[in-house]
Amino acid sequence: MNKLHIKITFFLLVLLSLSSCCFFSALTPHSNFIDHIQGQIGKSETDPNSSLTRYPKRIKGKSTLPNGNIETEFSFSRNCKVFYEVNISTRIIENVRYEGNGKRCVLVP
């Protein structure tokens, strides 16, 4: 084997290794969705990066929970609803849940 052949082989192996990190990611669209909605916890309801502030037209309703907090229903996508629990006094998102399945509640990474 000559030196050029070795360099090309090495380059191709490095390229293959790097591309496999991108193409074979363990992050699925559904797990990315879960990470996204859980990332809203701790944000203010009025935070510019909060889904509630960025997409106000997707808010479908609000209700009062037994603990006094407000639950805001948010239409994430067709057949996928997200419910944000917002502390009534601090206006901080304290909890989140969703209704839908892994085929509907997705966010492509």
N, C-alpha and C. Protein backbone atom coordinates (compact mmCIF):
# COMPACT_ATOMS: atom_id res chain seq x y z
N MET A 1 0.83 -1.19 0.00
CA MET A 1 0.00 0.00 0.00
C MET A 1 0.87 1.25 0.00
N ASN A 2 0.51 2.18 -0.83
CA ASN A 2 1.30 3.40 -0.84
C ASN A 2 0.71 4.41 0.16
N LYS A 3 1.42 5.48 0.41
CA LYS A 3 1.03 6.47 1.42
C LYS A 3 -0.28 7.18 1.06
N LEU A 4 -0.49 7.42 -0.22
CA LEU A 4 -1.72 8.08 -0.65
C LEU A 4 -2.94 7.20 -0.35
N HIS A 5 -2.82 5.93 -0.60
CA HIS A 5 -3.90 4.99 -0.34
C HIS A 5 -4.23 4.94 1.16
N ILE A 6 -3.21 4.98 1.99
CA ILE A 6 -3.40 4.97 3.45
C ILE A 6 -4.10 6.25 3.90
N LYS A 7 -3.68 7.39 3.36
CA LYS A 7 -4.30 8.67 3.72
C LYS A 7 -5.77 8.71 3.30
N ILE A 8 -6.07 8.23 2.13
CA ILE A 8 -7.46 8.21 1.65
C ILE A 8 -8.31 7.29 2.52
N THR A 9 -7.77 6.13 2.87
CA THR A 9 -8.50 5.19 3.73
C THR A 9 -8.77 5.82 5.09
N PHE A 10 -7.75 6.45 5.65
CA PHE A 10 -7.91 7.12 6.95
C PHE A 10 -8.97 8.22 6.87
N PHE A 11 -8.90 9.03 5.84
CA PHE A 11 -9.87 10.10 5.65
C PHE A 11 -11.29 9.55 5.55
N LEU A 12 -11.49 8.49 4.80
CA LEU A 12 -12.82 7.90 4.65
C LEU A 12 -13.33 7.31 5.97
N LEU A 13 -12.45 6.71 6.75
CA LEU A 13 -12.85 6.17 8.06
C LEU A 13 -13.27 7.29 9.01
N VAL A 14 -12.53 8.38 9.02
CA VAL A 14 -12.88 9.52 9.87
C VAL A 14 -14.22 10.11 9.42
N LEU A 15 -14.40 10.26 8.13
CA LEU A 15 -15.64 10.80 7.59
C LEU A 15 -16.83 9.90 7.93
N LEU A 16 -16.66 8.62 7.82
CA LEU A 16 -17.71 7.67 8.16
C LEU A 16 -18.06 7.73 9.64
N SER A 17 -17.05 7.85 10.48
CA SER A 17 -17.28 7.94 11.92
C SER A 17 -18.06 9.20 12.27
N LEU A 18 -17.68 10.31 11.70
CA LEU A 18 -18.37 11.57 11.97
C LEU A 18 -19.80 11.56 11.45
N SER A 19 -20.01 11.02 10.29
CA SER A 19 -21.36 11.00 9.73
C SER A 19 -22.28 10.07 10.50
N SER A 20 -21.75 9.00 11.06
CA SER A 20 -22.60 8.08 11.82
C SER A 20 -23.12 8.74 13.08
N CYS A 21 -22.39 9.69 13.62
CA CYS A 21 -22.88 10.41 14.80
C CYS A 21 -24.12 11.22 14.46
N CYS A 22 -24.18 11.75 13.28
CA CYS A 22 -25.32 12.57 12.87
C CYS A 22 -26.50 11.72 12.41
N PHE A 23 -26.23 10.68 11.63
CA PHE A 23 -27.30 9.91 11.02
C PHE A 23 -27.92 8.88 11.95
N PHE A 24 -27.20 8.45 12.94
CA PHE A 24 -27.71 7.41 13.82
C PHE A 24 -27.93 7.93 15.23
N SER A 25 -28.44 9.13 15.32
CA SER A 25 -28.71 9.75 16.62
C SER A 25 -29.80 8.98 17.35
N ALA A 26 -29.65 8.88 18.66
CA ALA A 26 -30.64 8.18 19.47
C ALA A 26 -31.87 9.04 19.73
N LEU A 27 -31.81 10.30 19.37
CA LEU A 27 -32.91 11.21 19.61
C LEU A 27 -34.00 11.00 18.57
N THR A 28 -35.14 10.54 19.04
CA THR A 28 -36.28 10.33 18.14
C THR A 28 -37.13 11.59 18.12
N PRO A 29 -37.99 11.75 17.13
CA PRO A 29 -38.87 12.93 17.11
C PRO A 29 -39.74 13.03 18.36
N HIS A 30 -40.20 11.90 18.89
CA HIS A 30 -41.04 11.95 20.09
C HIS A 30 -40.22 12.32 21.32
N SER A 31 -39.02 11.75 21.47
CA SER A 31 -38.20 12.12 22.62
C SER A 31 -37.75 13.58 22.53
N ASN A 32 -37.56 14.08 21.33
CA ASN A 32 -37.24 15.50 21.15
C ASN A 32 -38.42 16.37 21.59
N PHE A 33 -39.63 15.93 21.26
CA PHE A 33 -40.84 16.63 21.70
C PHE A 33 -40.90 16.68 23.23
N ILE A 34 -40.66 15.53 23.88
CA ILE A 34 -40.68 15.46 25.34
C ILE A 34 -39.64 16.41 25.93
N ASP A 35 -38.43 16.40 25.39
CA ASP A 35 -37.38 17.32 25.86
C ASP A 35 -37.81 18.77 25.70
N HIS A 36 -38.45 19.07 24.58
CA HIS A 36 -38.88 20.44 24.31
C HIS A 36 -39.92 20.91 25.33
N ILE A 37 -40.95 20.11 25.54
CA ILE A 37 -42.00 20.58 26.46
C ILE A 37 -41.51 20.61 27.90
N GLN A 38 -40.63 19.67 28.28
CA GLN A 38 -40.08 19.70 29.64
C GLN A 38 -39.14 20.89 29.81
N GLY A 39 -38.56 21.35 28.72
CA GLY A 39 -37.70 22.53 28.76
C GLY A 39 -38.46 23.81 29.05
N GLN A 40 -39.78 23.76 28.96
CA GLN A 40 -40.60 24.93 29.26
C GLN A 40 -40.76 25.13 30.77
N ILE A 41 -40.58 24.05 31.54
CA ILE A 41 -40.73 24.12 32.99
C ILE A 41 -39.67 25.06 33.56
N GLY A 42 -40.12 25.97 34.40
CA GLY A 42 -39.22 26.95 35.01
C GLY A 42 -39.22 28.28 34.28
N LYS A 43 -39.77 28.32 33.09
CA LYS A 43 -39.86 29.57 32.35
C LYS A 43 -41.09 30.36 32.79
N SER A 44 -40.99 31.65 32.66
CA SER A 44 -42.16 32.49 32.92
C SER A 44 -43.16 32.31 31.79
N GLU A 45 -44.41 32.41 32.14
CA GLU A 45 -45.48 32.33 31.14
C GLU A 45 -45.30 33.42 30.07
N THR A 46 -44.65 34.52 30.45
CA THR A 46 -44.46 35.64 29.53
C THR A 46 -43.05 35.69 28.93
N ASP A 47 -42.24 34.68 29.21
CA ASP A 47 -40.88 34.60 28.64
C ASP A 47 -41.00 34.60 27.11
N PRO A 48 -40.21 35.43 26.41
CA PRO A 48 -40.29 35.47 24.94
C PRO A 48 -39.99 34.12 24.28
N ASN A 49 -39.28 33.22 24.98
CA ASN A 49 -38.97 31.91 24.43
C ASN A 49 -39.95 30.83 24.87
N SER A 50 -40.95 31.22 25.62
CA SER A 50 -41.98 30.27 26.04
C SER A 50 -42.94 30.00 24.88
N SER A 51 -43.33 28.76 24.73
CA SER A 51 -44.30 28.42 23.67
C SER A 51 -45.59 29.21 23.84
N LEU A 52 -45.97 29.48 25.08
CA LEU A 52 -47.22 30.21 25.34
C LEU A 52 -47.14 31.64 24.82
N THR A 53 -45.97 32.24 24.88
CA THR A 53 -45.79 33.61 24.39
C THR A 53 -45.56 33.63 22.87
N ARG A 54 -44.80 32.67 22.39
CA ARG A 54 -44.45 32.65 20.96
C ARG A 54 -45.63 32.30 20.06
N TYR A 55 -46.54 31.45 20.58
CA TYR A 55 -47.66 30.98 19.76
C TYR A 55 -48.99 31.16 20.50
N PRO A 56 -49.37 32.38 20.80
CA PRO A 56 -50.59 32.60 21.59
C PRO A 56 -51.87 32.11 20.92
N LYS A 57 -51.88 32.02 19.60
CA LYS A 57 -53.08 31.53 18.91
C LYS A 57 -53.31 30.05 19.13
N ARG A 58 -52.31 29.35 19.61
CA ARG A 58 -52.45 27.92 19.87
C ARG A 58 -53.03 27.62 21.26
N ILE A 59 -53.21 28.66 22.07
CA ILE A 59 -53.83 28.47 23.39
C ILE A 59 -55.32 28.26 23.18
N LYS A 60 -55.79 27.10 23.65
CA LYS A 60 -57.19 26.72 23.42
C LYS A 60 -58.08 26.94 24.63
N GLY A 61 -57.49 27.14 25.79
CA GLY A 61 -58.31 27.38 26.97
C GLY A 61 -57.47 27.32 28.24
N LYS A 62 -58.10 27.77 29.32
CA LYS A 62 -57.45 27.75 30.63
C LYS A 62 -58.46 27.27 31.65
N SER A 63 -57.95 26.57 32.65
CA SER A 63 -58.83 26.12 33.74
C SER A 63 -58.05 26.21 35.04
N THR A 64 -58.79 26.30 36.15
CA THR A 64 -58.17 26.37 37.46
C THR A 64 -58.07 24.97 38.04
N LEU A 65 -56.88 24.63 38.50
CA LEU A 65 -56.63 23.33 39.10
C LEU A 65 -57.00 23.36 40.59
N PRO A 66 -57.19 22.20 41.21
CA PRO A 66 -57.54 22.17 42.64
C PRO A 66 -56.52 22.88 43.55
N ASN A 67 -55.25 22.93 43.14
CA ASN A 67 -54.23 23.61 43.95
C ASN A 67 -54.20 25.13 43.72
N GLY A 68 -55.09 25.63 42.86
CA GLY A 68 -55.16 27.06 42.59
C GLY A 68 -54.38 27.51 41.37
N ASN A 69 -53.50 26.68 40.87
CA ASN A 69 -52.73 27.02 39.66
C ASN A 69 -53.63 26.97 38.43
N ILE A 70 -53.14 27.56 37.36
CA ILE A 70 -53.86 27.59 36.10
C ILE A 70 -53.27 26.55 35.16
N GLU A 71 -54.14 25.79 34.50
CA GLU A 71 -53.69 24.86 33.47
C GLU A 71 -54.08 25.44 32.12
N THR A 72 -53.09 25.64 31.27
CA THR A 72 -53.31 26.21 29.95
C THR A 72 -53.21 25.10 28.91
N GLU A 73 -54.27 24.95 28.14
CA GLU A 73 -54.29 23.95 27.07
C GLU A 73 -53.69 24.57 25.81
N PHE A 74 -52.74 23.87 25.23
CA PHE A 74 -51.99 24.37 24.08
C PHE A 74 -52.04 23.33 22.98
N SER A 75 -52.45 23.74 21.79
CA SER A 75 -52.50 22.82 20.66
C SER A 75 -51.13 22.78 20.00
N PHE A 76 -50.38 21.71 20.30
CA PHE A 76 -49.03 21.59 19.75
C PHE A 76 -49.08 21.22 18.28
N SER A 77 -49.92 20.26 17.95
CA SER A 77 -50.12 19.85 16.57
C SER A 77 -51.47 19.14 16.51
N ARG A 78 -51.82 18.71 15.33
CA ARG A 78 -53.09 18.01 15.18
C ARG A 78 -53.05 16.74 16.04
N ASN A 79 -54.04 16.57 16.88
CA ASN A 79 -54.16 15.41 17.78
C ASN A 79 -53.05 15.33 18.83
N CYS A 80 -52.46 16.45 19.17
CA CYS A 80 -51.46 16.49 20.25
C CYS A 80 -51.67 17.78 21.05
N LYS A 81 -52.14 17.60 22.28
CA LYS A 81 -52.37 18.74 23.16
C LYS A 81 -51.34 18.72 24.27
N VAL A 82 -50.87 19.92 24.63
CA VAL A 82 -49.94 20.07 25.75
C VAL A 82 -50.64 20.93 26.79
N PHE A 83 -50.50 20.53 28.06
CA PHE A 83 -51.12 21.25 29.16
C PHE A 83 -50.03 21.76 30.08
N TYR A 84 -49.95 23.10 30.19
CA TYR A 84 -48.95 23.73 31.04
C TYR A 84 -49.61 24.15 32.34
N GLU A 85 -48.99 23.75 33.45
CA GLU A 85 -49.45 24.21 34.76
C GLU A 85 -48.65 25.44 35.14
N VAL A 86 -49.37 26.55 35.33
CA VAL A 86 -48.72 27.83 35.61
C VAL A 86 -49.09 28.27 37.03
N ASN A 87 -48.06 28.60 37.82
CA ASN A 87 -48.28 29.09 39.17
C ASN A 87 -49.01 30.42 39.10
N ILE A 88 -50.10 30.53 39.81
CA ILE A 88 -50.96 31.72 39.72
C ILE A 88 -50.26 32.98 40.23
N SER A 89 -49.39 32.85 41.23
CA SER A 89 -48.76 34.05 41.78
C SER A 89 -47.45 34.42 41.09
N THR A 90 -46.66 33.44 40.66
CA THR A 90 -45.37 33.75 40.03
C THR A 90 -45.41 33.75 38.51
N ARG A 91 -46.44 33.13 37.94
CA ARG A 91 -46.62 32.97 36.50
C ARG A 91 -45.49 32.15 35.86
N ILE A 92 -44.94 31.25 36.67
CA ILE A 92 -43.89 30.33 36.21
C ILE A 92 -44.54 29.00 35.85
N ILE A 93 -44.09 28.41 34.74
CA ILE A 93 -44.57 27.08 34.34
C ILE A 93 -43.95 26.07 35.29
N GLU A 94 -44.81 25.36 36.02
CA GLU A 94 -44.34 24.41 37.04
C GLU A 94 -44.39 22.96 36.59
N ASN A 95 -45.27 22.66 35.67
CA ASN A 95 -45.43 21.28 35.24
C ASN A 95 -45.99 21.26 33.82
N VAL A 96 -45.84 20.13 33.17
CA VAL A 96 -46.35 19.99 31.81
C VAL A 96 -46.77 18.53 31.61
N ARG A 97 -47.82 18.35 30.85
CA ARG A 97 -48.25 17.02 30.45
C ARG A 97 -48.79 17.13 29.03
N TYR A 98 -49.01 16.00 28.39
CA TYR A 98 -49.54 16.04 27.03
C TYR A 98 -50.54 14.91 26.84
N GLU A 99 -51.38 15.09 25.83
CA GLU A 99 -52.32 14.06 25.39
C GLU A 99 -52.05 13.83 23.91
N GLY A 100 -51.78 12.61 23.58
CA GLY A 100 -51.46 12.23 22.20
C GLY A 100 -50.50 11.07 22.25
N ASN A 101 -50.11 10.59 21.09
CA ASN A 101 -49.19 9.46 21.07
C ASN A 101 -47.87 9.84 20.41
N GLY A 102 -46.97 8.87 20.37
CA GLY A 102 -45.63 9.10 19.83
C GLY A 102 -45.61 9.38 18.35
N LYS A 103 -46.71 9.12 17.64
CA LYS A 103 -46.77 9.42 16.21
C LYS A 103 -47.28 10.83 15.96
N ARG A 104 -48.04 11.37 16.91
CA ARG A 104 -48.62 12.71 16.74
C ARG A 104 -47.84 13.78 17.49
N CYS A 105 -47.31 13.42 18.64
CA CYS A 105 -46.58 14.39 19.47
C CYS A 105 -45.10 14.26 19.16
N VAL A 106 -44.68 14.92 18.09
CA VAL A 106 -43.31 14.81 17.62
C VAL A 106 -42.74 16.20 17.29
N LEU A 107 -41.44 16.28 17.39
CA LEU A 107 -40.70 17.47 16.99
C LEU A 107 -39.41 16.95 16.37
N VAL A 108 -39.32 17.04 15.07
CA VAL A 108 -38.17 16.46 14.36
C VAL A 108 -36.90 17.20 14.76
N PRO A 109 -35.87 16.44 15.21
CA PRO A 109 -34.62 17.11 15.64
C PRO A 109 -33.89 17.75 14.48
